[in-house]
């Protein structure tokens, strides 16, 4: 079974074609990164996978299910970490309460946490390594700490797949390294990971697949097969250069190199 199977997927927002004829097949489990310029449709693709957006045409399957027909079932199997600047909690909440929300949302009112829920939260707090901040208010945490809490919230229900939208934005180097280690651990446990990122150089050594998206799939496959100048030029023009030094491949703006 594939984690994601899209065929001829086209998505419009306000009459504008954000995604066009997207064809994508991702094995399960696998670790995939999506890159592309701003406005390429990366976040739109994640929301379509979750069933939050319906395609204009084409089809998509997530863990064998159609998210347009069974969105709740898909969301129960897929954890989601949105861009951190799009997450806000107006009511002061402790970090562990933010995590627990992910389990309570599936319950019928009144949504009380059971001992099983509390045990699951305690387990994921330990797994992510945030015991020291579990009782602190979410809005008082650093960017890296908040991101760890959001990841814990996304995996507390033990999903089969995890989606992350720019998880390293505003995150310090140490937290970024800890998050990557956590993602590698999840991948080893059989969780499929699909991550949108602008800086693929930091994850190039841990991902299985790389997708270059610019409203459609320009290229997809092994990182070394996608990160080629002739391919990147189709999207970024001559502004991008590829520099390879084992075991790392990176692409950077030409005017920032040398």
Protein backbone atom coordinates (compact mmCIF):
# COMPACT_ATOMS: atom_id res chain seq x y z
CA UNK A 1 0.00 0.00 0.00
CA UNK A 2 1.16 3.53 -0.79
CA UNK A 3 0.88 6.35 1.72
CA UNK A 4 -0.14 8.77 -1.05
CA UNK A 5 -1.37 8.03 -4.56
CA UNK A 6 -2.41 11.04 -6.67
CA UNK A 7 -3.44 10.91 -10.31
CA UNK A 8 -4.25 13.94 -12.45
CA UNK A 9 -4.91 15.94 -9.27
CA UNK A 10 -6.04 19.51 -9.92
CA UNK A 11 -7.03 21.89 -7.12
CA UNK A 12 -8.45 25.39 -7.48
CA UNK A 13 -8.71 28.12 -4.84
CA UNK A 14 -10.95 31.10 -5.59
CA UNK A 15 -10.96 30.10 -9.24
CA UNK A 16 -7.16 29.97 -9.43
CA UNK A 17 -5.48 26.68 -10.35
CA UNK A 18 -3.06 26.09 -7.47
CA UNK A 19 -2.28 22.47 -8.35
CA UNK A 20 -2.48 21.09 -11.89
CA UNK A 21 -2.37 17.47 -13.02
CA UNK A 22 -0.35 16.25 -10.03
CA UNK A 23 0.77 12.64 -10.33
CA UNK A 24 2.53 11.29 -7.27
CA UNK A 25 3.09 7.88 -5.71
CA UNK A 26 4.78 7.49 -2.31
CA UNK A 27 5.57 4.16 -0.72
CA UNK A 28 4.60 3.34 2.85
CA UNK A 29 6.57 3.76 4.97
CA UNK A 30 8.85 6.41 3.51
CA UNK A 31 10.34 9.82 4.34
CA UNK A 32 9.62 12.41 1.65
CA UNK A 33 10.49 16.10 1.44
CA UNK A 34 8.66 18.56 -0.80
CA UNK A 35 10.45 21.64 -2.11
CA UNK A 36 9.40 24.45 -4.41
CA UNK A 37 9.13 28.24 -4.55
CA UNK A 38 6.53 30.25 -2.66
CA UNK A 39 3.10 29.75 -4.16
CA UNK A 40 4.04 26.37 -5.63
CA UNK A 41 1.08 24.64 -3.96
CA UNK A 42 2.98 22.77 -1.25
CA UNK A 43 0.63 23.62 1.62
CA UNK A 44 -2.35 23.11 -0.69
CA UNK A 45 -1.16 19.58 -1.39
CA UNK A 46 -0.93 18.80 2.33
CA UNK A 47 -4.44 20.15 2.93
CA UNK A 48 -5.77 18.11 0.02
CA UNK A 49 -4.19 14.98 1.50
CA UNK A 50 -6.00 15.75 4.76
CA UNK A 51 -9.32 16.21 2.99
CA UNK A 52 -9.48 19.91 3.94
CA UNK A 53 -9.59 20.85 0.25
CA UNK A 54 -11.42 19.02 -2.51
CA UNK A 55 -9.83 18.55 -5.92
CA UNK A 56 -11.39 20.04 -9.02
CA UNK A 57 -10.46 16.90 -10.92
CA UNK A 58 -8.31 13.82 -10.63
CA UNK A 59 -8.06 11.47 -7.69
CA UNK A 60 -6.10 11.03 -4.49
CA UNK A 61 -5.76 8.16 -2.05
CA UNK A 62 -4.19 8.40 1.39
CA UNK A 63 -3.35 5.11 3.09
CA UNK A 64 -5.75 3.55 0.61
CA UNK A 65 -8.62 5.92 1.47
CA UNK A 66 -10.23 8.76 -0.46
CA UNK A 67 -9.94 11.88 1.75
CA UNK A 68 -12.81 13.57 -0.10
CA UNK A 69 -15.15 10.76 0.93
CA UNK A 70 -13.68 9.68 4.26
CA UNK A 71 -11.93 12.78 5.66
CA UNK A 72 -12.43 11.89 9.33
CA UNK A 73 -10.98 8.43 8.87
CA UNK A 74 -8.00 9.85 6.97
CA UNK A 75 -7.35 12.48 9.66
CA UNK A 76 -7.47 9.79 12.34
CA UNK A 77 -4.59 8.08 10.52
CA UNK A 78 -2.58 11.17 9.55
CA UNK A 79 -0.90 13.57 11.98
CA UNK A 80 -0.47 17.19 10.85
CA UNK A 81 1.97 19.86 11.97
CA UNK A 82 1.02 23.17 10.29
CA UNK A 83 3.32 26.15 9.96
CA UNK A 84 3.92 27.39 13.48
CA UNK A 85 3.05 31.01 12.70
CA UNK A 86 -0.42 29.82 11.72
CA UNK A 87 -1.04 28.21 15.10
CA UNK A 88 -2.43 30.27 17.96
CA UNK A 89 -3.96 29.37 21.28
CA UNK A 90 -5.86 32.33 22.68
CA UNK A 91 -6.71 30.47 25.88
CA UNK A 92 -3.60 29.97 28.05
CA UNK A 93 -2.86 26.26 27.83
CA UNK A 94 -0.14 24.06 29.21
CA UNK A 95 1.97 22.21 26.69
CA UNK A 96 0.58 18.83 27.75
CA UNK A 97 -2.99 20.13 27.31
CA UNK A 98 -2.16 21.21 23.76
CA UNK A 99 -0.92 17.68 23.12
CA UNK A 100 -4.02 16.09 24.67
CA UNK A 101 -6.29 18.10 22.35
CA UNK A 102 -5.36 15.78 19.51
CA UNK A 103 -6.93 12.82 21.33
CA UNK A 104 -9.93 14.65 22.76
CA UNK A 105 -11.07 16.04 19.41
CA UNK A 106 -12.27 12.57 18.36
CA UNK A 107 -14.42 12.11 21.46
CA UNK A 108 -18.09 12.96 21.84
CA UNK A 109 -18.94 15.83 24.22
CA UNK A 110 -18.16 16.12 27.04
CA UNK A 111 -14.57 15.50 26.02
CA UNK A 112 -12.90 14.25 29.18
CA UNK A 113 -9.42 12.78 29.17
CA UNK A 114 -9.27 9.17 30.31
CA UNK A 115 -6.37 7.45 32.06
CA UNK A 116 -5.50 5.96 28.68
CA UNK A 117 -5.32 9.46 27.17
CA UNK A 118 -3.16 10.70 30.03
CA UNK A 119 -0.84 7.72 29.62
CA UNK A 120 -0.55 8.39 25.87
CA UNK A 121 0.33 12.04 26.52
CA UNK A 122 2.92 11.06 29.13
CA UNK A 123 4.44 8.55 26.69
CA UNK A 124 4.77 11.03 23.82
CA UNK A 125 6.11 13.76 26.12
CA UNK A 126 8.91 11.36 27.05
CA UNK A 127 9.44 10.29 23.43
CA UNK A 128 9.83 13.88 22.22
CA UNK A 129 11.92 14.81 25.26
CA UNK A 130 9.81 17.68 26.58
CA UNK A 131 9.22 16.56 30.17
CA UNK A 132 10.66 19.81 31.55
CA UNK A 133 8.20 22.01 29.65
CA UNK A 134 5.06 19.85 29.75
CA UNK A 135 3.48 21.94 32.52
CA UNK A 136 4.49 25.31 31.10
CA UNK A 137 2.20 27.55 29.07
CA UNK A 138 2.50 26.97 25.35
CA UNK A 139 2.63 30.69 24.52
CA UNK A 140 5.63 31.17 26.82
CA UNK A 141 7.78 28.57 25.08
CA UNK A 142 10.55 29.23 22.55
CA UNK A 143 10.02 28.52 18.87
CA UNK A 144 11.86 25.21 19.04
CA UNK A 145 9.95 24.13 22.15
CA UNK A 146 6.61 25.02 20.58
CA UNK A 147 7.47 23.02 17.49
CA UNK A 148 8.26 19.95 19.58
CA UNK A 149 4.91 20.30 21.36
CA UNK A 150 3.10 20.54 18.02
CA UNK A 151 4.86 17.42 16.77
CA UNK A 152 3.95 15.62 19.99
CA UNK A 153 0.33 16.68 19.47
CA UNK A 154 0.42 15.27 15.94
CA UNK A 155 1.80 11.86 16.95
CA UNK A 156 0.08 11.27 20.30
CA UNK A 157 -2.63 9.24 18.56
CA UNK A 158 0.01 7.09 16.85
CA UNK A 159 -0.75 7.98 13.21
CA UNK A 160 0.40 5.93 10.23
CA UNK A 161 1.55 9.10 8.46
CA UNK A 162 2.86 12.50 9.56
CA UNK A 163 2.62 15.72 7.54
CA UNK A 164 4.82 18.68 8.46
CA UNK A 165 4.69 22.16 6.91
CA UNK A 166 8.00 24.03 7.28
CA UNK A 167 8.83 22.46 10.67
CA UNK A 168 12.24 24.17 10.94
CA UNK A 169 11.12 27.78 10.46
CA UNK A 170 12.14 29.87 13.46
CA UNK A 171 13.71 26.86 15.17
CA UNK A 172 17.19 26.95 16.71
CA UNK A 173 19.89 24.58 15.46
CA UNK A 174 19.78 22.33 18.53
CA UNK A 175 16.00 21.90 18.38
CA UNK A 176 16.22 21.30 14.63
CA UNK A 177 18.71 18.48 15.19
CA UNK A 178 16.51 16.96 17.90
CA UNK A 179 13.44 17.14 15.66
CA UNK A 180 15.31 15.43 12.81
CA UNK A 181 16.36 12.63 15.17
CA UNK A 182 12.74 12.22 16.24
CA UNK A 183 11.54 12.07 12.64
CA UNK A 184 14.17 9.45 11.82
CA UNK A 185 12.99 7.40 14.78
CA UNK A 186 9.37 7.62 13.64
CA UNK A 187 10.36 6.55 10.14
CA UNK A 188 12.17 3.52 11.57
CA UNK A 189 8.98 2.62 13.45
CA UNK A 190 7.01 2.50 10.21
CA UNK A 191 5.51 5.99 10.07
CA UNK A 192 5.43 7.66 6.65
CA UNK A 193 6.63 11.26 6.78
CA UNK A 194 5.84 13.98 4.25
CA UNK A 195 7.53 17.29 4.97
CA UNK A 196 7.46 20.64 3.22
CA UNK A 197 10.77 22.48 3.55
CA UNK A 198 12.73 25.31 1.95
CA UNK A 199 16.12 24.01 3.05
CA UNK A 200 16.57 20.45 1.87
CA UNK A 201 20.31 20.43 2.65
CA UNK A 202 19.59 19.67 6.32
CA UNK A 203 17.49 16.58 5.61
CA UNK A 204 19.10 15.30 2.41
CA UNK A 205 20.81 12.46 4.29
CA UNK A 206 17.67 11.12 5.99
CA UNK A 207 14.95 11.32 3.32
CA UNK A 208 14.00 8.55 0.91
CA UNK A 209 12.30 10.74 -1.69
CA UNK A 210 12.35 14.34 -2.85
CA UNK A 211 9.51 16.05 -4.71
CA UNK A 212 10.01 19.30 -6.64
CA UNK A 213 6.62 20.98 -6.87
CA UNK A 214 5.62 24.02 -8.89
CA UNK A 215 1.84 23.69 -9.22
CA UNK A 216 2.60 20.27 -10.67
CA UNK A 217 5.23 17.64 -9.95
CA UNK A 218 8.30 18.81 -11.86
CA UNK A 219 10.42 15.92 -10.58
CA UNK A 220 10.21 13.20 -7.95
CA UNK A 221 12.56 10.45 -6.88
CA UNK A 222 15.81 10.01 -5.02
CA UNK A 223 17.29 13.34 -3.84
CA UNK A 224 20.38 13.01 -6.02
CA UNK A 225 18.16 12.47 -9.08
CA UNK A 226 16.03 15.55 -8.39
CA UNK A 227 18.76 17.96 -7.29
CA UNK A 228 20.24 18.50 -10.72
CA UNK A 229 20.77 21.93 -12.23
CA UNK A 230 18.89 21.16 -15.43
CA UNK A 231 15.85 20.16 -13.35
CA UNK A 232 16.02 22.99 -10.82
CA UNK A 233 16.37 25.57 -13.60
CA UNK A 234 12.86 24.72 -14.77
CA UNK A 235 11.55 26.17 -11.52
CA UNK A 236 14.21 28.55 -10.19
CA UNK A 237 15.87 29.69 -13.42
CA UNK A 238 19.55 30.60 -13.31
CA UNK A 239 19.33 31.84 -9.72
CA UNK A 240 20.11 28.39 -8.32
CA UNK A 241 23.30 26.37 -8.35
CA UNK A 242 23.86 22.81 -7.15
CA UNK A 243 26.96 22.01 -5.13
CA UNK A 244 27.87 18.45 -4.25
CA UNK A 245 30.30 17.35 -1.57
CA UNK A 246 29.90 13.82 -0.26
CA UNK A 247 27.71 12.97 1.54
CA UNK A 248 25.88 16.24 0.99
CA UNK A 249 24.13 17.86 -1.95
CA UNK A 250 22.73 21.35 -1.65
CA UNK A 251 21.26 24.00 -3.86
CA UNK A 252 21.74 27.68 -3.08
CA UNK A 253 21.26 31.05 -4.80
CA UNK A 254 24.27 31.65 -7.04
CA UNK A 255 24.99 35.07 -5.59
CA UNK A 256 25.39 33.53 -2.12
CA UNK A 257 28.09 31.08 -3.17
CA UNK A 258 31.64 32.36 -3.16
